[in-house]
PDB file of N, CA and C in Angstrom:
ATOM      1  N   UNK A   1      -4.877   6.917  17.062  1.00  0.00           N
ATOM      2  CA  UNK A   1      -3.521   7.302  16.764  1.00  0.00           C
ATOM      3  C   UNK A   1      -2.967   8.108  17.930  1.00  0.00           C
ATOM      4  N   UNK A   2      -1.667   8.040  18.106  1.00  0.00           N
ATOM      5  CA  UNK A   2      -1.051   8.766  19.204  1.00  0.00           C
ATOM      6  C   UNK A   2      -1.032  10.263  18.901  1.00  0.00           C
ATOM      7  N   UNK A   3      -0.664  11.070  19.904  1.00  0.00           N
ATOM      8  CA  UNK A   3      -0.628  12.510  19.704  1.00  0.00           C
ATOM      9  C   UNK A   3       0.606  12.934  18.906  1.00  0.00           C
ATOM     10  N   UNK A   4       1.607  12.061  18.787  1.00  0.00           N
ATOM     11  CA  UNK A   4       2.783  12.360  17.969  1.00  0.00           C
ATOM     12  C   UNK A   4       2.400  12.256  16.496  1.00  0.00           C
ATOM     13  N   UNK A   5       3.087  13.010  15.631  1.00  0.00           N
ATOM     14  CA  UNK A   5       2.830  12.831  14.205  1.00  0.00           C
ATOM     15  C   UNK A   5       3.146  11.393  13.795  1.00  0.00           C
ATOM     16  N   UNK A   6       2.285  10.798  13.016  1.00  0.00           N
ATOM     17  CA  UNK A   6       2.494   9.392  12.642  1.00  0.00           C
ATOM     18  C   UNK A   6       3.548   9.253  11.539  1.00  0.00           C
ATOM     19  N   UNK A   7       3.995   8.035  11.369  1.00  0.00           N
ATOM     20  CA  UNK A   7       4.791   7.663  10.203  1.00  0.00           C
ATOM     21  C   UNK A   7       3.779   7.272   9.127  1.00  0.00           C
ATOM     22  N   UNK A   8       3.881   7.879   7.969  1.00  0.00           N
ATOM     23  CA  UNK A   8       2.978   7.603   6.866  1.00  0.00           C
ATOM     24  C   UNK A   8       3.737   6.771   5.840  1.00  0.00           C
ATOM     25  N   UNK A   9       3.142   5.669   5.446  1.00  0.00           N
ATOM     26  CA  UNK A   9       3.741   4.723   4.493  1.00  0.00           C
ATOM     27  C   UNK A   9       2.777   4.629   3.325  1.00  0.00           C
ATOM     28  N   UNK A  10       3.154   5.237   2.184  1.00  0.00           N
ATOM     29  CA  UNK A  10       2.268   5.246   1.019  1.00  0.00           C
ATOM     30  C   UNK A  10       2.945   4.461  -0.094  1.00  0.00           C
ATOM     31  N   UNK A  11       2.254   3.426  -0.562  1.00  0.00           N
ATOM     32  CA  UNK A  11       2.813   2.514  -1.560  1.00  0.00           C
ATOM     33  C   UNK A  11       1.915   2.509  -2.789  1.00  0.00           C
ATOM     34  N   UNK A  12       2.547   2.605  -3.953  1.00  0.00           N
ATOM     35  CA  UNK A  12       1.840   2.550  -5.225  1.00  0.00           C
ATOM     36  C   UNK A  12       2.288   1.305  -5.985  1.00  0.00           C
ATOM     37  N   UNK A  13       1.313   0.582  -6.548  1.00  0.00           N
ATOM     38  CA  UNK A  13       1.569  -0.661  -7.280  1.00  0.00           C
ATOM     39  C   UNK A  13       1.138  -0.497  -8.734  1.00  0.00           C
ATOM     40  N   UNK A  14       1.956  -0.982  -9.640  1.00  0.00           N
ATOM     41  CA  UNK A  14       1.618  -1.071 -11.053  1.00  0.00           C
ATOM     42  C   UNK A  14       1.511  -2.550 -11.392  1.00  0.00           C
ATOM     43  N   UNK A  15       0.348  -2.975 -11.823  1.00  0.00           N
ATOM     44  CA  UNK A  15       0.136  -4.375 -12.174  1.00  0.00           C
ATOM     45  C   UNK A  15       0.844  -4.741 -13.474  1.00  0.00           C
ATOM     46  N   UNK A  16       1.292  -5.993 -13.554  1.00  0.00           N
ATOM     47  CA  UNK A  16       1.833  -6.508 -14.811  1.00  0.00           C
ATOM     48  C   UNK A  16       0.748  -6.565 -15.870  1.00  0.00           C
ATOM     49  N   UNK A  17      -0.467  -6.905 -15.441  1.00  0.00           N
ATOM     50  CA  UNK A  17      -1.619  -7.005 -16.336  1.00  0.00           C
ATOM     51  C   UNK A  17      -2.687  -6.016 -15.870  1.00  0.00           C
ATOM     52  N   UNK A  18      -2.519  -4.732 -16.178  1.00  0.00           N
ATOM     53  CA  UNK A  18      -3.440  -3.726 -15.636  1.00  0.00           C
ATOM     54  C   UNK A  18      -4.882  -3.863 -16.094  1.00  0.00           C
ATOM     55  N   UNK A  19      -5.123  -4.610 -17.144  1.00  0.00           N
ATOM     56  CA  UNK A  19      -6.497  -4.797 -17.625  1.00  0.00           C
ATOM     57  C   UNK A  19      -7.217  -5.932 -16.896  1.00  0.00           C
ATOM     58  N   UNK A  20      -6.505  -6.676 -16.060  1.00  0.00           N
ATOM     59  CA  UNK A  20      -7.080  -7.841 -15.391  1.00  0.00           C
ATOM     60  C   UNK A  20      -7.763  -7.449 -14.082  1.00  0.00           C
ATOM     61  N   UNK A  21      -9.085  -7.551 -14.048  1.00  0.00           N
ATOM     62  CA  UNK A  21      -9.811  -7.266 -12.806  1.00  0.00           C
ATOM     63  C   UNK A  21      -9.530  -8.341 -11.761  1.00  0.00           C
ATOM     64  N   UNK A  22      -9.255  -9.564 -12.206  1.00  0.00           N
ATOM     65  CA  UNK A  22      -8.908 -10.637 -11.277  1.00  0.00           C
ATOM     66  C   UNK A  22      -7.622 -10.307 -10.538  1.00  0.00           C
ATOM     67  N   UNK A  23      -6.600  -9.872 -11.272  1.00  0.00           N
ATOM     68  CA  UNK A  23      -5.330  -9.506 -10.646  1.00  0.00           C
ATOM     69  C   UNK A  23      -5.504  -8.326  -9.699  1.00  0.00           C
ATOM     70  N   UNK A  24      -6.259  -7.317 -10.126  1.00  0.00           N
ATOM     71  CA  UNK A  24      -6.487  -6.158  -9.265  1.00  0.00           C
ATOM     72  C   UNK A  24      -7.214  -6.569  -8.000  1.00  0.00           C
ATOM     73  N   UNK A  25      -8.265  -7.370  -8.116  1.00  0.00           N
ATOM     74  CA  UNK A  25      -9.016  -7.802  -6.929  1.00  0.00           C
ATOM     75  C   UNK A  25      -8.158  -8.625  -5.983  1.00  0.00           C
ATOM     76  N   UNK A  26      -7.278  -9.467  -6.523  1.00  0.00           N
ATOM     77  CA  UNK A  26      -6.376 -10.248  -5.672  1.00  0.00           C
ATOM     78  C   UNK A  26      -5.415  -9.329  -4.932  1.00  0.00           C
ATOM     79  N   UNK A  27      -4.861  -8.336  -5.642  1.00  0.00           N
ATOM     80  CA  UNK A  27      -3.948  -7.389  -5.005  1.00  0.00           C
ATOM     81  C   UNK A  27      -4.660  -6.588  -3.923  1.00  0.00           C
ATOM     82  N   UNK A  28      -5.836  -6.082  -4.210  1.00  0.00           N
ATOM     83  CA  UNK A  28      -6.581  -5.293  -3.224  1.00  0.00           C
ATOM     84  C   UNK A  28      -6.925  -6.118  -1.989  1.00  0.00           C
ATOM     85  N   UNK A  29      -7.316  -7.365  -2.185  1.00  0.00           N
ATOM     86  CA  UNK A  29      -7.610  -8.239  -1.039  1.00  0.00           C
ATOM     87  C   UNK A  29      -6.350  -8.479  -0.216  1.00  0.00           C
ATOM     88  N   UNK A  30      -5.228  -8.677  -0.894  1.00  0.00           N
ATOM     89  CA  UNK A  30      -3.963  -8.876  -0.188  1.00  0.00           C
ATOM     90  C   UNK A  30      -3.577  -7.658   0.626  1.00  0.00           C
ATOM     91  N   UNK A  31      -3.748  -6.483   0.043  1.00  0.00           N
ATOM     92  CA  UNK A  31      -3.427  -5.249   0.764  1.00  0.00           C
ATOM     93  C   UNK A  31      -4.342  -5.099   1.982  1.00  0.00           C
ATOM     94  N   UNK A  32      -5.631  -5.329   1.794  1.00  0.00           N
ATOM     95  CA  UNK A  32      -6.579  -5.181   2.917  1.00  0.00           C
ATOM     96  C   UNK A  32      -6.240  -6.112   4.081  1.00  0.00           C
ATOM     97  N   UNK A  33      -5.713  -7.282   3.774  1.00  0.00           N
ATOM     98  CA  UNK A  33      -5.351  -8.241   4.820  1.00  0.00           C
ATOM     99  C   UNK A  33      -4.229  -7.716   5.715  1.00  0.00           C
ATOM    100  N   UNK A  34      -3.452  -6.751   5.221  1.00  0.00           N
ATOM    101  CA  UNK A  34      -2.353  -6.189   6.005  1.00  0.00           C
ATOM    102  C   UNK A  34      -2.838  -5.408   7.215  1.00  0.00           C
ATOM    103  N   UNK A  35      -4.106  -5.034   7.240  1.00  0.00           N
ATOM    104  CA  UNK A  35      -4.672  -4.314   8.386  1.00  0.00           C
ATOM    105  C   UNK A  35      -4.609  -5.140   9.662  1.00  0.00           C
ATOM    106  N   UNK A  36      -4.471  -6.449   9.542  1.00  0.00           N
ATOM    107  CA  UNK A  36      -4.409  -7.321  10.718  1.00  0.00           C
ATOM    108  C   UNK A  36      -3.064  -7.243  11.441  1.00  0.00           C
ATOM    109  N   UNK A  37      -2.085  -6.605  10.842  1.00  0.00           N
ATOM    110  CA  UNK A  37      -0.774  -6.469  11.490  1.00  0.00           C
ATOM    111  C   UNK A  37      -0.909  -5.468  12.632  1.00  0.00           C
ATOM    112  N   UNK A  38      -0.445  -5.858  13.806  1.00  0.00           N
ATOM    113  CA  UNK A  38      -0.722  -5.087  15.025  1.00  0.00           C
ATOM    114  C   UNK A  38      -0.146  -3.675  15.019  1.00  0.00           C
ATOM    115  N   UNK A  39       0.943  -3.418  14.308  1.00  0.00           N
ATOM    116  CA  UNK A  39       1.536  -2.085  14.334  1.00  0.00           C
ATOM    117  C   UNK A  39       0.895  -1.119  13.335  1.00  0.00           C
ATOM    118  N   UNK A  40       0.028  -1.630  12.466  1.00  0.00           N
ATOM    119  CA  UNK A  40      -0.670  -0.767  11.512  1.00  0.00           C
ATOM    120  C   UNK A  40      -1.804  -0.064  12.254  1.00  0.00           C
ATOM    121  N   UNK A  41      -1.730   1.255  12.351  1.00  0.00           N
ATOM    122  CA  UNK A  41      -2.748   2.020  13.071  1.00  0.00           C
ATOM    123  C   UNK A  41      -3.956   2.322  12.202  1.00  0.00           C
ATOM    124  N   UNK A  42      -3.715   2.519  10.908  1.00  0.00           N
ATOM    125  CA  UNK A  42      -4.806   2.836   9.989  1.00  0.00           C
ATOM    126  C   UNK A  42      -4.359   2.428   8.596  1.00  0.00           C
ATOM    127  N   UNK A  43      -5.305   1.973   7.784  1.00  0.00           N
ATOM    128  CA  UNK A  43      -5.011   1.551   6.418  1.00  0.00           C
ATOM    129  C   UNK A  43      -6.094   2.064   5.490  1.00  0.00           C
ATOM    130  N   UNK A  44      -5.659   2.667   4.399  1.00  0.00           N
ATOM    131  CA  UNK A  44      -6.578   3.066   3.332  1.00  0.00           C
ATOM    132  C   UNK A  44      -6.089   2.398   2.057  1.00  0.00           C
ATOM    133  N   UNK A  45      -6.991   1.744   1.333  1.00  0.00           N
ATOM    134  CA  UNK A  45      -6.670   1.054   0.087  1.00  0.00           C
ATOM    135  C   UNK A  45      -7.451   1.730  -1.026  1.00  0.00           C
ATOM    136  N   UNK A  46      -6.795   1.994  -2.156  1.00  0.00           N
ATOM    137  CA  UNK A  46      -7.508   2.677  -3.221  1.00  0.00           C
ATOM    138  C   UNK A  46      -6.960   2.404  -4.600  1.00  0.00           C
ATOM    139  N   UNK A  47      -7.692   2.920  -5.562  1.00  0.00           N
ATOM    140  CA  UNK A  47      -7.328   2.870  -6.978  1.00  0.00           C
ATOM    141  C   UNK A  47      -7.367   4.309  -7.493  1.00  0.00           C
ATOM    142  N   UNK A  48      -6.808   4.577  -8.660  1.00  0.00           N
ATOM    143  CA  UNK A  48      -6.802   5.950  -9.149  1.00  0.00           C
ATOM    144  C   UNK A  48      -8.215   6.538  -9.263  1.00  0.00           C
ATOM    145  N   UNK A  49      -8.351   7.756  -8.811  1.00  0.00           N
ATOM    146  CA  UNK A  49      -9.632   8.460  -8.902  1.00  0.00           C
ATOM    147  C   UNK A  49      -9.826   8.966 -10.328  1.00  0.00           C
ATOM    148  N   UNK A  50     -11.065   9.078 -10.720  1.00  0.00           N
ATOM    149  CA  UNK A  50     -11.401   9.552 -12.063  1.00  0.00           C
ATOM    150  C   UNK A  50     -11.439  11.073 -12.076  1.00  0.00           C
ATOM    151  N   UNK A  51     -10.320  11.682 -11.690  1.00  0.00           N
ATOM    152  CA  UNK A  51     -10.227  13.142 -11.713  1.00  0.00           C
ATOM    153  C   UNK A  51      -9.771  13.595 -13.091  1.00  0.00           C
ATOM    154  N   UNK A  52      -9.885  14.877 -13.344  1.00  0.00           N
ATOM    155  CA  UNK A  52      -9.500  15.418 -14.640  1.00  0.00           C
ATOM    156  C   UNK A  52      -8.018  15.269 -14.922  1.00  0.00           C
ATOM    157  N   UNK A  53      -7.667  15.394 -16.189  1.00  0.00           N
ATOM    158  CA  UNK A  53      -6.267  15.299 -16.582  1.00  0.00           C
ATOM    159  C   UNK A  53      -5.572  16.637 -16.374  1.00  0.00           C
ATOM    160  N   UNK A  54      -4.443  16.586 -15.655  1.00  0.00           N
ATOM    161  CA  UNK A  54      -3.589  17.751 -15.444  1.00  0.00           C
ATOM    162  C   UNK A  54      -2.157  17.254 -15.460  1.00  0.00           C
ATOM    163  N   UNK A  55      -1.228  18.141 -15.787  1.00  0.00           N
ATOM    164  CA  UNK A  55       0.178  17.756 -15.867  1.00  0.00           C
ATOM    165  C   UNK A  55       0.716  17.187 -14.558  1.00  0.00           C
ATOM    166  N   UNK A  56       0.159  17.567 -13.430  1.00  0.00           N
ATOM    167  CA  UNK A  56       0.676  17.144 -12.132  1.00  0.00           C
ATOM    168  C   UNK A  56       0.064  15.839 -11.622  1.00  0.00           C
ATOM    169  N   UNK A  57      -0.873  15.283 -12.345  1.00  0.00           N
ATOM    170  CA  UNK A  57      -1.549  14.056 -11.909  1.00  0.00           C
ATOM    171  C   UNK A  57      -0.926  12.844 -12.581  1.00  0.00           C
ATOM    172  N   UNK A  58      -0.551  11.868 -11.759  1.00  0.00           N
ATOM    173  CA  UNK A  58      -0.067  10.576 -12.260  1.00  0.00           C
ATOM    174  C   UNK A  58      -1.097   9.531 -11.856  1.00  0.00           C
ATOM    175  N   UNK A  59      -1.832   9.030 -12.814  1.00  0.00           N
ATOM    176  CA  UNK A  59      -2.798   7.968 -12.523  1.00  0.00           C
ATOM    177  C   UNK A  59      -2.435   6.697 -13.271  1.00  0.00           C
ATOM    178  N   UNK A  60      -1.128   6.514 -13.495  1.00  0.00           N
ATOM    179  CA  UNK A  60      -0.651   5.342 -14.225  1.00  0.00           C
ATOM    180  C   UNK A  60      -0.598   4.084 -13.356  1.00  0.00           C
ATOM    181  N   UNK A  61      -0.734   4.232 -12.060  1.00  0.00           N
ATOM    182  CA  UNK A  61      -0.640   3.108 -11.134  1.00  0.00           C
ATOM    183  C   UNK A  61      -1.977   2.372 -11.038  1.00  0.00           C
ATOM    184  N   UNK A  62      -1.938   1.183 -10.459  1.00  0.00           N
ATOM    185  CA  UNK A  62      -3.135   0.330 -10.383  1.00  0.00           C
ATOM    186  C   UNK A  62      -3.819   0.344  -9.024  1.00  0.00           C
ATOM    187  N   UNK A  63      -3.025   0.400  -7.948  1.00  0.00           N
ATOM    188  CA  UNK A  63      -3.575   0.346  -6.589  1.00  0.00           C
ATOM    189  C   UNK A  63      -2.600   1.021  -5.640  1.00  0.00           C
ATOM    190  N   UNK A  64      -3.129   1.473  -4.510  1.00  0.00           N
ATOM    191  CA  UNK A  64      -2.250   2.053  -3.492  1.00  0.00           C
ATOM    192  C   UNK A  64      -2.702   1.635  -2.105  1.00  0.00           C
ATOM    193  N   UNK A  65      -1.731   1.658  -1.197  1.00  0.00           N
ATOM    194  CA  UNK A  65      -2.023   1.484   0.227  1.00  0.00           C
ATOM    195  C   UNK A  65      -1.438   2.678   0.949  1.00  0.00           C
ATOM    196  N   UNK A  66      -2.208   3.219   1.859  1.00  0.00           N
ATOM    197  CA  UNK A  66      -1.769   4.326   2.694  1.00  0.00           C
ATOM    198  C   UNK A  66      -1.901   3.850   4.128  1.00  0.00           C
ATOM    199  N   UNK A  67      -0.756   3.718   4.802  1.00  0.00           N
ATOM    200  CA  UNK A  67      -0.740   3.198   6.168  1.00  0.00           C
ATOM    201  C   UNK A  67      -0.168   4.233   7.118  1.00  0.00           C
ATOM    202  N   UNK A  68      -0.597   4.131   8.364  1.00  0.00           N
ATOM    203  CA  UNK A  68      -0.091   4.997   9.418  1.00  0.00           C
ATOM    204  C   UNK A  68       0.464   4.123  10.539  1.00  0.00           C
ATOM    205  N   UNK A  69       1.636   4.521  11.032  1.00  0.00           N
ATOM    206  CA  UNK A  69       2.301   3.843  12.144  1.00  0.00           C
ATOM    207  C   UNK A  69       2.634   4.883  13.206  1.00  0.00           C
ATOM    208  N   UNK A  70       2.716   4.450  14.456  1.00  0.00           N
ATOM    209  CA  UNK A  70       3.053   5.378  15.540  1.00  0.00           C
ATOM    210  C   UNK A  70       4.525   5.765  15.536  1.00  0.00           C
ATOM    211  N   UNK A  71       5.396   4.817  15.163  1.00  0.00           N
ATOM    212  CA  UNK A  71       6.841   5.059  15.222  1.00  0.00           C
ATOM    213  C   UNK A  71       7.539   4.399  14.036  1.00  0.00           C
ATOM    214  N   UNK A  72       8.768   4.808  13.806  1.00  0.00           N
ATOM    215  CA  UNK A  72       9.587   4.161  12.780  1.00  0.00           C
ATOM    216  C   UNK A  72       9.791   2.687  13.138  1.00  0.00           C
ATOM    217  N   UNK A  73       9.940   2.408  14.402  1.00  0.00           N
ATOM    218  CA  UNK A  73      10.120   1.016  14.840  1.00  0.00           C
ATOM    219  C   UNK A  73       8.891   0.172  14.512  1.00  0.00           C
ATOM    220  N   UNK A  74       7.714   0.745  14.661  1.00  0.00           N
ATOM    221  CA  UNK A  74       6.489   0.024  14.296  1.00  0.00           C
ATOM    222  C   UNK A  74       6.451  -0.258  12.797  1.00  0.00           C
ATOM    223  N   UNK A  75       6.898   0.704  11.996  1.00  0.00           N
ATOM    224  CA  UNK A  75       6.947   0.499  10.555  1.00  0.00           C
ATOM    225  C   UNK A  75       7.989  -0.561  10.205  1.00  0.00           C
ATOM    226  N   UNK A  76       9.116  -0.552  10.916  1.00  0.00           N
ATOM    227  CA  UNK A  76      10.147  -1.576  10.706  1.00  0.00           C
ATOM    228  C   UNK A  76       9.609  -2.966  11.045  1.00  0.00           C
ATOM    229  N   UNK A  77       8.845  -3.059  12.134  1.00  0.00           N
ATOM    230  CA  UNK A  77       8.261  -4.347  12.539  1.00  0.00           C
ATOM    231  C   UNK A  77       7.270  -4.839  11.490  1.00  0.00           C
ATOM    232  N   UNK A  78       6.520  -3.935  10.907  1.00  0.00           N
ATOM    233  CA  UNK A  78       5.582  -4.275   9.831  1.00  0.00           C
ATOM    234  C   UNK A  78       6.314  -4.925   8.663  1.00  0.00           C
ATOM    235  N   UNK A  79       7.473  -4.387   8.313  1.00  0.00           N
ATOM    236  CA  UNK A  79       8.207  -4.891   7.159  1.00  0.00           C
ATOM    237  C   UNK A  79       8.571  -6.374   7.293  1.00  0.00           C
ATOM    238  N   UNK A  80       8.860  -6.823   8.493  1.00  0.00           N
ATOM    239  CA  UNK A  80       9.269  -8.218   8.702  1.00  0.00           C
ATOM    240  C   UNK A  80       8.150  -9.093   9.255  1.00  0.00           C
ATOM    241  N   UNK A  81       6.979  -8.513   9.455  1.00  0.00           N
ATOM    242  CA  UNK A  81       5.848  -9.279   9.985  1.00  0.00           C
ATOM    243  C   UNK A  81       5.491 -10.417   9.017  1.00  0.00           C
ATOM    244  N   UNK A  82       5.193 -11.611   9.543  1.00  0.00           N
ATOM    245  CA  UNK A  82       4.842 -12.737   8.676  1.00  0.00           C
ATOM    246  C   UNK A  82       3.678 -12.463   7.719  1.00  0.00           C
ATOM    247  N   UNK A  83       2.693 -11.670   8.139  1.00  0.00           N
ATOM    248  CA  UNK A  83       1.578 -11.354   7.239  1.00  0.00           C
ATOM    249  C   UNK A  83       2.034 -10.490   6.058  1.00  0.00           C
ATOM    250  N   UNK A  84       2.972  -9.578   6.303  1.00  0.00           N
ATOM    251  CA  UNK A  84       3.521  -8.771   5.209  1.00  0.00           C
ATOM    252  C   UNK A  84       4.337  -9.648   4.272  1.00  0.00           C
ATOM    253  N   UNK A  85       5.136 -10.545   4.833  1.00  0.00           N
ATOM    254  CA  UNK A  85       5.936 -11.456   4.014  1.00  0.00           C
ATOM    255  C   UNK A  85       5.033 -12.384   3.189  1.00  0.00           C
ATOM    256  N   UNK A  86       3.914 -12.811   3.779  1.00  0.00           N
ATOM    257  CA  UNK A  86       2.948 -13.652   3.059  1.00  0.00           C
ATOM    258  C   UNK A  86       2.333 -12.870   1.898  1.00  0.00           C
ATOM    259  N   UNK A  87       1.998 -11.600   2.142  1.00  0.00           N
ATOM    260  CA  UNK A  87       1.448 -10.748   1.085  1.00  0.00           C
ATOM    261  C   UNK A  87       2.418 -10.660  -0.098  1.00  0.00           C
ATOM    262  N   UNK A  88       3.680 -10.430   0.190  1.00  0.00           N
ATOM    263  CA  UNK A  88       4.684 -10.335  -0.872  1.00  0.00           C
ATOM    264  C   UNK A  88       4.785 -11.654  -1.629  1.00  0.00           C
ATOM    265  N   UNK A  89       4.809 -12.767  -0.894  1.00  0.00           N
ATOM    266  CA  UNK A  89       4.924 -14.085  -1.529  1.00  0.00           C
ATOM    267  C   UNK A  89       3.714 -14.407  -2.405  1.00  0.00           C
ATOM    268  N   UNK A  90       2.517 -14.026  -1.949  1.00  0.00           N
ATOM    269  CA  UNK A  90       1.290 -14.385  -2.664  1.00  0.00           C
ATOM    270  C   UNK A  90       0.893 -13.386  -3.748  1.00  0.00           C
ATOM    271  N   UNK A  91       1.339 -12.142  -3.624  1.00  0.00           N
ATOM    272  CA  UNK A  91       0.904 -11.113  -4.577  1.00  0.00           C
ATOM    273  C   UNK A  91       2.038 -10.505  -5.393  1.00  0.00           C
ATOM    274  N   UNK A  92       3.268 -10.779  -5.018  1.00  0.00           N
ATOM    275  CA  UNK A  92       4.405 -10.169  -5.690  1.00  0.00           C
ATOM    276  C   UNK A  92       4.464 -10.434  -7.185  1.00  0.00           C
ATOM    277  N   UNK A  93       3.948 -11.581  -7.595  1.00  0.00           N
ATOM    278  CA  UNK A  93       3.959 -11.909  -9.026  1.00  0.00           C
ATOM    279  C   UNK A  93       2.994 -11.038  -9.834  1.00  0.00           C
ATOM    280  N   UNK A  94       2.092 -10.324  -9.150  1.00  0.00           N
ATOM    281  CA  UNK A  94       1.079  -9.516  -9.837  1.00  0.00           C
ATOM    282  C   UNK A  94       1.611  -8.164 -10.309  1.00  0.00           C
ATOM    283  N   UNK A  95       2.616  -7.618  -9.614  1.00  0.00           N
ATOM    284  CA  UNK A  95       3.049  -6.271  -9.947  1.00  0.00           C
ATOM    285  C   UNK A  95       4.353  -6.238 -10.725  1.00  0.00           C
ATOM    286  N   UNK A  96       4.483  -5.177 -11.538  1.00  0.00           N
ATOM    287  CA  UNK A  96       5.708  -4.960 -12.303  1.00  0.00           C
ATOM    288  C   UNK A  96       6.556  -3.866 -11.683  1.00  0.00           C
ATOM    289  N   UNK A  97       5.918  -3.035 -10.842  1.00  0.00           N
ATOM    290  CA  UNK A  97       6.620  -1.916 -10.224  1.00  0.00           C
ATOM    291  C   UNK A  97       5.920  -1.560  -8.927  1.00  0.00           C
ATOM    292  N   UNK A  98       6.732  -1.142  -7.942  1.00  0.00           N
ATOM    293  CA  UNK A  98       6.215  -0.653  -6.665  1.00  0.00           C
ATOM    294  C   UNK A  98       7.031   0.581  -6.292  1.00  0.00           C
ATOM    295  N   UNK A  99       6.358   1.633  -5.861  1.00  0.00           N
ATOM    296  CA  UNK A  99       7.014   2.825  -5.353  1.00  0.00           C
ATOM    297  C   UNK A  99       6.514   3.091  -3.950  1.00  0.00           C
ATOM    298  N   UNK A 100       7.438   3.402  -3.045  1.00  0.00           N
ATOM    299  CA  UNK A 100       7.103   3.643  -1.634  1.00  0.00           C
ATOM    300  C   UNK A 100       7.517   5.049  -1.247  1.00  0.00           C
ATOM    301  N   UNK A 101       6.604   5.744  -0.583  1.00  0.00           N
ATOM    302  CA  UNK A 101       6.902   7.054  -0.009  1.00  0.00           C
ATOM    303  C   UNK A 101       6.649   6.959   1.492  1.00  0.00           C
ATOM    304  N   UNK A 102       7.707   7.084   2.294  1.00  0.00           N
ATOM    305  CA  UNK A 102       7.578   7.100   3.744  1.00  0.00           C
ATOM    306  C   UNK A 102       7.759   8.535   4.207  1.00  0.00           C
ATOM    307  N   UNK A 103       6.833   9.003   5.039  1.00  0.00           N
ATOM    308  CA  UNK A 103       6.816  10.399   5.472  1.00  0.00           C
ATOM    309  C   UNK A 103       6.716  10.445   6.988  1.00  0.00           C
ATOM    310  N   UNK A 104       7.479  11.348   7.583  1.00  0.00           N
ATOM    311  CA  UNK A 104       7.386  11.565   9.025  1.00  0.00           C
ATOM    312  C   UNK A 104       7.002  13.015   9.267  1.00  0.00           C
ATOM    313  N   UNK A 105       6.002  13.214  10.137  1.00  0.00           N
ATOM    314  CA  UNK A 105       5.534  14.566  10.413  1.00  0.00           C
ATOM    315  C   UNK A 105       6.486  15.367  11.245  1.00  0.00           C
TER     316      UNK A 105
END
């Protein structure tokens, strides 16, 4: 990663069928494939942790991706990259909701 603060792109997905391990595995594989996009500096893929219940914890989501980019332009390029568009086309039917948090240091 560069010495500048990165652009952080954190996405949360809620599956239409949250009980389906097949759907979850397909979504996770699709997310992992996004690491091949050249502007993605780092990718972390996860599911809700089995932490204790507290009022401030939201574990209602099914999967998340945490990506780092060097610049806003790199993140913009990711959005239109053919691999990202393929992910949306192949996995978009799996989710009922997506929330995105973009952060700049």
